[in-house]
Protein backbone atom coordinates (compact mmCIF):
# COMPACT_ATOMS: atom_id res chain seq x y z
CA UNK A 1 82.26 -54.78 264.65
CA UNK A 2 85.02 -55.84 267.01
CA UNK A 3 84.99 -59.62 267.24
CA UNK A 4 87.30 -59.71 270.23
CA UNK A 5 85.12 -57.35 272.23
CA UNK A 6 82.00 -59.23 271.22
CA UNK A 7 83.62 -62.53 272.19
CA UNK A 8 84.50 -61.09 275.59
CA UNK A 9 80.93 -59.93 276.00
CA UNK A 10 79.60 -63.37 275.10
CA UNK A 11 82.02 -64.97 277.60
CA UNK A 12 80.35 -62.90 280.30
CA UNK A 13 76.91 -64.12 279.33
CA UNK A 14 74.85 -65.67 282.04
CA UNK A 15 77.50 -67.23 284.28
CA UNK A 16 74.83 -67.67 286.90
CA UNK A 17 72.97 -70.34 284.97
CA UNK A 18 70.76 -70.79 287.96
CA UNK A 19 67.35 -69.50 287.06
CA UNK A 20 64.01 -71.06 287.58
CA UNK A 21 62.32 -73.03 284.86
CA UNK A 22 58.67 -72.13 284.75
CA UNK A 23 57.19 -75.48 283.92
CA UNK A 24 55.12 -75.10 287.08
CA UNK A 25 54.55 -71.36 286.87
CA UNK A 26 51.04 -71.93 288.13
CA UNK A 27 47.92 -73.04 286.31
CA UNK A 28 46.18 -69.81 287.27
CA UNK A 29 48.87 -67.72 285.60
CA UNK A 30 48.48 -69.64 282.38
CA UNK A 31 44.73 -69.97 282.29
CA UNK A 32 44.13 -66.31 283.09
CA UNK A 33 46.49 -65.03 280.41
CA UNK A 34 43.88 -63.73 277.99
CA UNK A 35 42.29 -61.54 280.65
CA UNK A 36 45.61 -60.45 282.11
CA UNK A 37 47.05 -59.61 278.70
CA UNK A 38 44.66 -56.76 278.03
CA UNK A 39 43.44 -55.82 281.49
CA UNK A 40 45.90 -52.93 281.62
CA UNK A 41 46.30 -50.88 278.47
CA UNK A 42 49.32 -48.66 278.86
CA UNK A 43 48.88 -44.99 278.21
CA UNK A 44 51.61 -42.62 277.12
CA UNK A 45 52.24 -41.56 280.72
CA UNK A 46 52.05 -44.99 282.37
CA UNK A 47 55.30 -46.38 283.70
CA UNK A 48 56.17 -49.84 282.42
CA UNK A 49 57.41 -51.90 285.35
CA UNK A 50 59.90 -54.60 284.44
CA UNK A 51 60.85 -57.77 286.27
CA UNK A 52 64.19 -59.51 285.79
CA UNK A 53 64.24 -63.27 285.31
CA UNK A 54 67.77 -64.47 286.08
CA UNK A 55 70.54 -62.27 287.42
CA UNK A 56 73.21 -63.26 284.92
CA UNK A 57 76.34 -61.42 283.86
CA UNK A 58 74.72 -60.88 280.47
CA UNK A 59 71.93 -59.02 282.20
CA UNK A 60 74.21 -57.16 284.60
CA UNK A 61 76.85 -56.05 282.10
CA UNK A 62 74.80 -55.50 278.93
CA UNK A 63 71.02 -55.53 279.29
CA UNK A 64 70.90 -53.47 282.49
CA UNK A 65 73.03 -50.56 281.25
CA UNK A 66 71.30 -50.67 277.86
CA UNK A 67 67.93 -50.50 279.61
CA UNK A 68 69.11 -47.64 281.80
CA UNK A 69 70.09 -45.61 278.72
CA UNK A 70 66.44 -45.42 277.67
CA UNK A 71 64.42 -45.97 280.86
CA UNK A 72 63.86 -42.33 281.72
CA UNK A 73 62.94 -41.27 278.19
CA UNK A 74 60.47 -44.11 277.68
CA UNK A 75 59.27 -44.24 281.31
CA UNK A 76 60.37 -47.79 282.13
CA UNK A 77 61.61 -48.96 285.53
CA UNK A 78 62.73 -52.19 287.16
CA UNK A 79 60.49 -53.43 289.96
CA UNK A 80 61.48 -57.00 290.89
CA UNK A 81 64.02 -59.75 290.31
CA UNK A 82 63.74 -63.53 290.34
CA UNK A 83 66.58 -66.03 290.70
CA UNK A 84 66.35 -69.48 292.28
CA UNK A 85 69.94 -69.36 293.57
CA UNK A 86 69.95 -67.35 296.80
CA UNK A 87 73.47 -66.03 296.21
CA UNK A 88 72.63 -64.61 292.82
CA UNK A 89 69.22 -63.36 293.94
CA UNK A 90 70.75 -61.42 296.82
CA UNK A 91 73.55 -60.09 294.60
CA UNK A 92 71.03 -59.12 291.95
CA UNK A 93 68.72 -57.23 294.27
CA UNK A 94 71.64 -55.31 295.76
CA UNK A 95 73.18 -54.52 292.37
CA UNK A 96 69.91 -53.48 290.76
CA UNK A 97 68.88 -51.36 293.73
CA UNK A 98 72.21 -49.54 293.64
CA UNK A 99 72.10 -49.08 289.85
CA UNK A 100 68.57 -47.69 289.83
CA UNK A 101 68.50 -45.94 293.22
CA UNK A 102 65.20 -47.69 293.93
CA UNK A 103 64.07 -50.59 296.07
CA UNK A 104 63.84 -53.82 294.06
CA UNK A 105 61.66 -56.68 295.26
CA UNK A 106 63.00 -60.22 295.26
CA UNK A 107 61.26 -63.40 294.15
CA UNK A 108 62.40 -66.94 294.97
CA UNK A 109 61.17 -68.24 291.63
CA UNK A 110 59.54 -67.03 288.46
CA UNK A 111 56.02 -67.96 289.52
CA UNK A 112 56.32 -65.53 292.42
CA UNK A 113 57.63 -62.82 290.11
CA UNK A 114 54.95 -63.29 287.47
CA UNK A 115 52.20 -63.17 290.08
CA UNK A 116 53.22 -59.68 291.17
CA UNK A 117 50.92 -56.81 290.24
CA UNK A 118 53.87 -54.43 289.79
CA UNK A 119 55.40 -56.38 286.87
CA UNK A 120 54.16 -55.49 283.36
CA UNK A 121 57.04 -56.97 281.37
CA UNK A 122 60.13 -59.09 281.92
CA UNK A 123 63.69 -59.45 280.70
CA UNK A 124 64.84 -63.09 280.50
CA UNK A 125 68.57 -63.83 280.55
CA UNK A 126 68.71 -67.36 281.92
CA UNK A 127 70.38 -70.58 280.74
CA UNK A 128 70.11 -71.46 277.03
CA UNK A 129 67.64 -74.31 277.47
CA UNK A 130 65.38 -72.28 279.78
CA UNK A 131 64.68 -69.30 277.52
CA UNK A 132 61.68 -70.74 275.70
CA UNK A 133 59.80 -72.13 278.68
CA UNK A 134 60.51 -69.05 280.79
CA UNK A 135 59.14 -67.03 277.89
CA UNK A 136 56.03 -69.22 277.64
CA UNK A 137 55.24 -68.70 281.32
CA UNK A 138 55.84 -64.96 281.03
CA UNK A 139 53.60 -64.24 278.05
CA UNK A 140 50.85 -66.54 279.30
CA UNK A 141 50.97 -64.57 282.56
CA UNK A 142 50.26 -61.45 280.49
CA UNK A 143 53.78 -60.02 280.37
CA UNK A 144 55.67 -58.67 277.38
CA UNK A 145 59.16 -60.15 277.24
CA UNK A 146 62.73 -59.54 276.12
CA UNK A 147 64.15 -63.05 275.72
CA UNK A 148 67.86 -63.69 275.29
CA UNK A 149 69.02 -65.96 272.50
CA UNK A 150 68.90 -68.76 271.60
CA UNK A 151 65.13 -68.77 271.60
CA UNK A 152 65.10 -72.58 271.87
CA UNK A 153 67.38 -75.55 271.24
CA UNK A 154 64.66 -78.19 270.87
CA UNK A 155 61.80 -78.08 268.39
CA UNK A 156 59.19 -78.75 271.07
CA UNK A 157 60.34 -75.70 273.02
CA UNK A 158 60.48 -73.59 269.86
CA UNK A 159 56.92 -74.57 269.00
CA UNK A 160 55.73 -73.91 272.56
CA UNK A 161 57.04 -70.35 272.68
CA UNK A 162 55.91 -69.42 269.17
CA UNK A 163 52.40 -70.72 269.91
CA UNK A 164 52.28 -68.86 273.23
CA UNK A 165 53.30 -65.56 271.65
CA UNK A 166 50.83 -65.96 268.78
CA UNK A 167 47.96 -66.85 271.13
CA UNK A 168 48.61 -64.09 273.66
CA UNK A 169 49.66 -61.30 271.32
CA UNK A 170 52.37 -60.18 273.72
CA UNK A 171 55.33 -58.11 272.52
CA UNK A 172 58.49 -60.22 272.40
CA UNK A 173 62.01 -59.27 271.38
CA UNK A 174 64.74 -61.91 270.96
CA UNK A 175 68.31 -61.04 271.93
CA UNK A 176 69.71 -61.37 268.41
CA UNK A 177 70.70 -57.73 268.52
CA UNK A 178 72.24 -57.55 265.04
CA UNK A 179 68.72 -56.85 263.77
CA UNK A 180 68.82 -53.51 265.57
CA UNK A 181 72.40 -52.58 264.58
CA UNK A 182 72.79 -49.74 262.08
CA UNK A 183 75.41 -51.49 259.97
CA UNK A 184 73.39 -54.71 259.70
CA UNK A 185 70.26 -52.78 258.80
CA UNK A 186 72.22 -50.99 256.09
CA UNK A 187 73.56 -54.35 254.85
CA UNK A 188 70.02 -55.67 254.65
CA UNK A 189 68.95 -52.63 252.63
CA UNK A 190 71.95 -52.95 250.30
CA UNK A 191 71.27 -56.60 249.53
CA UNK A 192 67.55 -55.92 249.08
CA UNK A 193 68.35 -53.12 246.59
CA UNK A 194 69.67 -55.72 244.11
CA UNK A 195 72.98 -53.92 243.60
CA UNK A 196 74.92 -56.66 245.37
CA UNK A 197 73.38 -59.40 243.26
CA UNK A 198 72.40 -62.84 244.48
CA UNK A 199 74.25 -64.23 247.49
CA UNK A 200 76.43 -67.12 246.31
CA UNK A 201 78.37 -67.90 249.49
CA UNK A 202 78.66 -66.85 253.13
CA UNK A 203 81.74 -67.40 255.29
CA UNK A 204 81.42 -67.08 259.05
CA UNK A 205 83.95 -67.59 261.84
CA UNK A 206 83.95 -67.20 265.61
CA UNK A 207 87.32 -68.08 267.12
CA UNK A 208 88.74 -67.60 270.62
CA UNK A 209 91.67 -69.02 272.58
CA UNK A 210 90.62 -69.11 276.21
CA UNK A 211 91.03 -72.21 278.42
CA UNK A 212 88.45 -70.78 280.81
CA UNK A 213 85.79 -70.17 278.19
CA UNK A 214 82.48 -70.96 279.90
CA UNK A 215 84.38 -72.43 282.86
CA UNK A 216 83.61 -70.95 286.30
CA UNK A 217 85.42 -73.14 288.89
CA UNK A 218 85.29 -70.51 291.64
CA UNK A 219 81.55 -70.05 291.17
CA UNK A 220 80.98 -73.81 291.04
CA UNK A 221 82.58 -74.05 294.49
CA UNK A 222 80.07 -71.57 295.91
CA UNK A 223 76.97 -73.44 294.75
CA UNK A 224 75.20 -75.61 297.32
CA UNK A 225 72.12 -77.66 296.48
CA UNK A 226 70.33 -76.31 299.57
CA UNK A 227 70.66 -72.76 298.24
CA UNK A 228 68.82 -73.34 294.98
CA UNK A 229 66.05 -75.41 293.38
CA UNK A 230 67.71 -78.05 291.21
CA UNK A 231 64.40 -79.46 290.01
CA UNK A 232 63.29 -76.06 288.73
CA UNK A 233 66.67 -75.56 287.10
CA UNK A 234 66.46 -78.86 285.17
CA UNK A 235 62.91 -78.06 284.12
CA UNK A 236 61.74 -80.13 281.15
CA UNK A 237 65.12 -81.81 280.60
CA UNK A 238 65.60 -85.40 281.84
CA UNK A 239 66.09 -85.30 285.59
CA UNK A 240 69.51 -86.18 286.97
CA UNK A 241 71.21 -85.76 290.32
CA UNK A 242 72.47 -82.34 291.35
CA UNK A 243 75.64 -81.30 289.54
CA UNK A 244 77.04 -77.83 290.28
CA UNK A 245 79.16 -77.87 287.11
CA UNK A 246 76.15 -78.43 284.89
CA UNK A 247 74.30 -75.70 286.75
CA UNK A 248 77.02 -73.06 286.47
CA UNK A 249 78.90 -74.27 283.37
CA UNK A 250 75.81 -75.41 281.46
CA UNK A 251 77.25 -74.34 278.09
CA UNK A 252 79.63 -77.29 278.23
CA UNK A 253 76.93 -79.92 278.66
CA UNK A 254 74.07 -81.17 276.51
CA UNK A 255 71.03 -81.20 276.99
CA UNK A 256 71.42 -77.81 278.65
CA UNK A 257 73.28 -76.25 275.74
CA UNK A 258 75.04 -77.29 272.54
CA UNK A 259 77.83 -74.82 273.30
CA UNK A 260 79.13 -73.11 270.18
CA UNK A 261 75.90 -73.35 268.11
CA UNK A 262 73.68 -72.15 270.96
CA UNK A 263 75.90 -69.27 271.94
CA UNK A 264 77.54 -67.95 268.80
CA UNK A 265 76.21 -69.56 265.66
CA UNK A 266 72.62 -68.37 266.16
CA UNK A 267 73.72 -64.72 266.04
CA UNK A 268 75.31 -65.16 262.63
CA UNK A 269 72.86 -67.63 261.09
CA UNK A 270 70.07 -65.20 262.02
CA UNK A 271 71.57 -62.63 259.66
CA UNK A 272 71.47 -65.18 256.82
CA UNK A 273 67.72 -65.61 257.30
CA UNK A 274 67.22 -61.86 257.58
CA UNK A 275 69.29 -60.87 254.55
CA UNK A 276 68.05 -63.67 252.29
CA UNK A 277 64.42 -63.80 253.39
CA UNK A 278 64.72 -67.57 253.75
CA UNK A 279 63.14 -69.21 256.82
CA UNK A 280 65.65 -72.02 257.32
CA UNK A 281 68.45 -74.00 255.69
CA UNK A 282 67.55 -76.81 253.30
CA UNK A 283 70.22 -79.04 254.84
CA UNK A 284 73.04 -79.04 257.39
CA UNK A 285 76.12 -81.21 257.90
CA UNK A 286 78.66 -80.76 260.72
CA UNK A 287 81.97 -82.08 261.94
CA UNK A 288 84.21 -81.35 264.91
CA UNK A 289 85.11 -82.56 268.35
CA UNK A 290 86.76 -81.90 271.70
CA UNK A 291 90.29 -81.60 270.38
CA UNK A 292 92.11 -79.77 273.19
CA UNK A 293 90.11 -78.88 276.31
CA UNK A 294 89.72 -82.29 277.97
CA UNK A 295 88.00 -80.91 281.05
CA UNK A 296 84.94 -83.16 281.25
CA UNK A 297 82.84 -81.13 278.83
CA UNK A 298 80.51 -82.86 276.40
CA UNK A 299 80.14 -80.08 273.82
CA UNK A 300 82.74 -79.60 271.09
CA UNK A 301 85.54 -77.06 271.37
CA UNK A 302 85.92 -77.00 267.57
CA UNK A 303 83.32 -77.30 264.83
CA UNK A 304 82.50 -76.60 261.21
CA UNK A 305 78.98 -76.70 259.84
CA UNK A 306 77.96 -76.35 256.21
CA UNK A 307 74.47 -75.13 255.35
CA UNK A 308 72.64 -75.26 252.03
CA UNK A 309 70.24 -72.35 251.57
CA UNK A 310 67.88 -71.46 248.77
CA UNK A 311 64.24 -71.64 247.66
CA UNK A 312 62.73 -74.64 249.40
CA UNK A 313 61.18 -75.89 246.15
CA UNK A 314 64.26 -75.51 243.92
CA UNK A 315 67.55 -77.19 244.90
CA UNK A 316 69.29 -75.87 241.76
CA UNK A 317 69.29 -72.33 243.14
CA UNK A 318 70.82 -71.05 246.34
CA UNK A 319 74.06 -70.64 248.19
CA UNK A 320 76.26 -72.28 250.78
CA UNK A 321 77.08 -71.03 254.28
CA UNK A 322 80.27 -72.28 255.91
CA UNK A 323 80.40 -71.66 259.64
CA UNK A 324 83.54 -72.50 261.61
CA UNK A 325 84.36 -71.89 265.25
CA UNK A 326 87.09 -72.97 267.62
CA UNK A 327 88.01 -72.26 271.22
CA UNK A 328 91.62 -73.34 270.76
CA UNK A 329 93.15 -70.62 268.54
CA UNK A 330 91.83 -67.10 268.03
CA UNK A 331 93.23 -66.43 264.55
CA UNK A 332 90.44 -65.27 262.27
CA UNK A 333 88.47 -63.81 265.18
CA UNK A 334 84.78 -63.13 264.41
CA UNK A 335 83.90 -62.56 260.76
CA UNK A 336 80.88 -62.47 258.46
CA UNK A 337 81.58 -62.32 254.75
CA UNK A 338 78.76 -62.33 252.21
CA UNK A 339 79.81 -63.08 248.62
CA UNK A 340 78.06 -62.42 245.33
CA UNK A 341 79.26 -62.67 241.74
CA UNK A 342 79.98 -58.94 241.99
CA UNK A 343 82.05 -58.85 245.18
CA UNK A 344 82.04 -59.07 248.95
CA UNK A 345 80.12 -57.55 251.84
CA UNK A 346 82.42 -57.62 254.89
CA UNK A 347 80.55 -57.08 258.16
CA UNK A 348 83.75 -57.16 260.20
CA UNK A 349 85.20 -54.14 258.41
CA UNK A 350 81.83 -52.71 257.31
CA UNK A 351 83.05 -52.52 253.72
CA UNK A 352 81.48 -53.30 250.35
CA UNK A 353 84.11 -54.26 247.79
CA UNK A 354 84.68 -55.96 244.46
CA UNK A 355 86.77 -58.65 246.16
CA UNK A 356 86.22 -61.85 244.18
CA UNK A 357 83.83 -60.17 241.74
CA UNK A 358 83.75 -60.97 238.03
CA UNK A 359 86.66 -59.22 236.35
CA UNK A 360 86.53 -57.50 232.97
CA UNK A 361 88.88 -59.90 231.16
CA UNK A 362 86.96 -63.01 232.18
CA UNK A 363 83.61 -61.39 231.49
CA UNK A 364 84.65 -60.12 228.06
CA UNK A 365 85.91 -63.55 226.99
CA UNK A 366 82.44 -64.93 227.58
CA UNK A 367 80.59 -61.99 226.05
CA UNK A 368 79.44 -60.89 229.47
CA UNK A 369 79.55 -57.61 231.37
CA UNK A 370 81.86 -57.23 234.36
CA UNK A 371 79.94 -56.87 237.61
CA UNK A 372 82.72 -56.03 240.01
CA UNK A 373 81.60 -53.58 242.71
CA UNK A 374 83.56 -50.46 243.64
CA UNK A 375 84.98 -50.39 247.16
CA UNK A 376 83.13 -48.19 249.65
CA UNK A 377 82.10 -48.05 253.29
CA UNK A 378 78.89 -49.79 254.26
CA UNK A 379 78.02 -47.00 256.71
CA UNK A 380 79.40 -43.53 257.35
CA UNK A 381 80.23 -44.39 260.93
CA UNK A 382 80.52 -47.88 262.33
CA UNK A 383 77.39 -49.09 264.04
CA UNK A 384 79.12 -52.33 264.95
CA UNK A 385 78.01 -54.90 267.43
CA UNK A 386 80.55 -53.75 270.02
CA UNK A 387 81.09 -50.10 270.80
CA UNK A 388 80.26 -47.72 273.58
CA UNK A 389 81.71 -46.46 276.81
CA UNK A 390 80.72 -49.36 279.07
CA UNK A 391 82.14 -52.86 278.96
CA UNK A 392 79.53 -55.15 277.49
CA UNK A 393 77.33 -52.27 276.33
CA UNK A 394 77.14 -51.85 272.59
CA UNK A 395 75.06 -49.91 270.13
CA UNK A 396 73.29 -53.02 268.90
CA UNK A 397 72.17 -54.23 272.32
CA UNK A 398 71.17 -50.71 273.31
CA UNK A 399 69.16 -50.32 270.10
CA UNK A 400 67.58 -53.77 270.50
CA UNK A 401 66.45 -53.02 274.05
CA UNK A 402 65.12 -49.61 273.00
CA UNK A 403 63.23 -51.14 270.07
CA UNK A 404 61.56 -53.58 272.47
CA UNK A 405 60.63 -50.79 274.86
CA UNK A 406 59.17 -48.69 272.04
CA UNK A 407 57.18 -51.67 270.74
CA UNK A 408 55.82 -52.41 274.21
CA UNK A 409 54.28 -48.94 274.01
CA UNK A 410 53.27 -48.92 270.34
CA UNK A 411 52.33 -52.64 270.16
CA UNK A 412 54.21 -52.86 266.87
CA UNK A 413 56.33 -55.80 265.73
CA UNK A 414 59.86 -55.84 267.13
CA UNK A 415 63.03 -56.06 265.04
CA UNK A 416 63.98 -59.50 266.40
CA UNK A 417 60.45 -60.85 266.45
CA UNK A 418 59.19 -64.33 267.35
CA UNK A 419 59.26 -65.61 263.75
CA UNK A 420 62.91 -64.61 263.44
CA UNK A 421 63.64 -66.40 266.70
CA UNK A 422 61.77 -69.49 265.54
CA UNK A 423 63.80 -69.56 262.32
CA UNK A 424 67.13 -69.44 264.12
CA UNK A 425 65.83 -72.12 266.50
CA UNK A 426 65.08 -74.40 263.54
CA UNK A 427 68.59 -73.87 262.14
CA UNK A 428 70.03 -74.52 265.59
CA UNK A 429 68.05 -77.73 266.08
CA UNK A 430 69.13 -78.94 262.63
CA UNK A 431 72.77 -78.20 263.51
CA UNK A 432 72.51 -80.03 266.84
CA UNK A 433 71.05 -83.05 265.03
CA UNK A 434 73.91 -82.95 262.50
CA UNK A 435 76.45 -82.87 265.35
CA UNK A 436 74.83 -85.67 267.31
CA UNK A 437 73.90 -87.97 264.42
CA UNK A 438 76.73 -87.40 261.96
CA UNK A 439 74.08 -87.41 259.22
CA UNK A 440 72.97 -84.89 256.63
CA UNK A 441 70.03 -83.12 258.28
CA UNK A 442 66.93 -81.76 256.57
CA UNK A 443 63.56 -80.48 257.74
CA UNK A 444 59.94 -81.56 257.24
CA UNK A 445 57.90 -78.36 256.97
CA UNK A 446 54.55 -80.13 257.15
CA UNK A 447 55.40 -81.77 260.47
CA UNK A 448 57.84 -79.07 261.62
CA UNK A 449 60.28 -81.86 262.34
CA UNK A 450 64.04 -82.27 262.03
CA UNK A 451 65.17 -85.23 259.92
CA UNK A 452 68.62 -86.80 260.28
CA UNK A 453 69.50 -89.17 257.46
CA UNK A 454 65.85 -89.02 256.43
CA UNK A 455 64.52 -90.21 259.80
CA UNK A 456 62.92 -88.09 262.56
CA UNK A 457 65.35 -86.63 265.09
CA UNK A 458 65.77 -87.13 267.98
CA UNK A 459 65.30 -90.84 267.49
CA UNK A 460 63.31 -92.98 269.85
């Protein structure tokens, strides 16, 4: 995978953080979900009509072209778009109409969109903190949903969306697209085969050097309170007065986003859960700060988090994950290195090697057998996270969107299913608690509650 290209793609994510929160999607939409969910059983020849929730750059530059690659084959089509900011709504309707060659209806908010009879499913690419509640409203209105990551950055939201999906039976795909990438699927198979051995350590980095990362001063200038719905934007977060920076540059400000963990860490920590079969870390500690970009942001520009993983009932077995990310120096780029006693699985280079594996001389001295792996390619041809002819369009996103579309028809479980999303949400919430408390963070499975220093978090 190309870390630089992927970083550029992530920078383009969702600059129009202005989408409606569906806390008030309408009691009728929620209460009638069970009837709506199964009132229309799609046949092989029925067109699936898709509504867009939030005209973000992530949708425009990645999800839209990925969708278009498969729409004709699988008989899917866009029908409507919702965005609470008039500027982005108008831009979105015009762009989508031009891209599809069809008339696209506009909705002033998500409740209007979900009430439409020509919307069977939705794609949600809104602000980080809105994903879960927008997803809840969608599935309870009887719509299947593609929901961008992170699934949720609070445990209450994570529980709400998981419960809604379980109760409605709707098909949901989370935007952790590595689960649909050929090289990651091969890595999963390789680890599951036993040849790699037990994971003993994972090293992950995500480094950029861009002063404007998640900053959109020109767009901030265009936003007027009269042209949007600030109350819907804030949703279930504590209400505060209108702030165009927090609306547009939400990634810099908690409680709208945690920044680095919300945006980047969840992609990589999701692969740890997938490859290991473990549902969450046993503990998390974190350190960092705003070391360089003193621009009014509240979220760190540099961080390191250390995770302990292993069987939840046996602390003597397991492995450590070290995740580091900075926005101040790009050396190291984006990397994922899985280590075993036999060697290294490098998902940047897509190579399996004996790097660090037990050498013959050391093994022989202890009466052991050397386990060092031979070097070979993980896949014949790179199926990395970033490739393809269009900027922001990659094989993984394309495959993830296609998998969702196929599952909408087959009603089978998606690659990045709700349980996978819930697991990365738990790891994310634990990381946020470690950042905010400075404590070692654990998790109470019985109560599904984050614990910081042994006490429930958030406190109070």
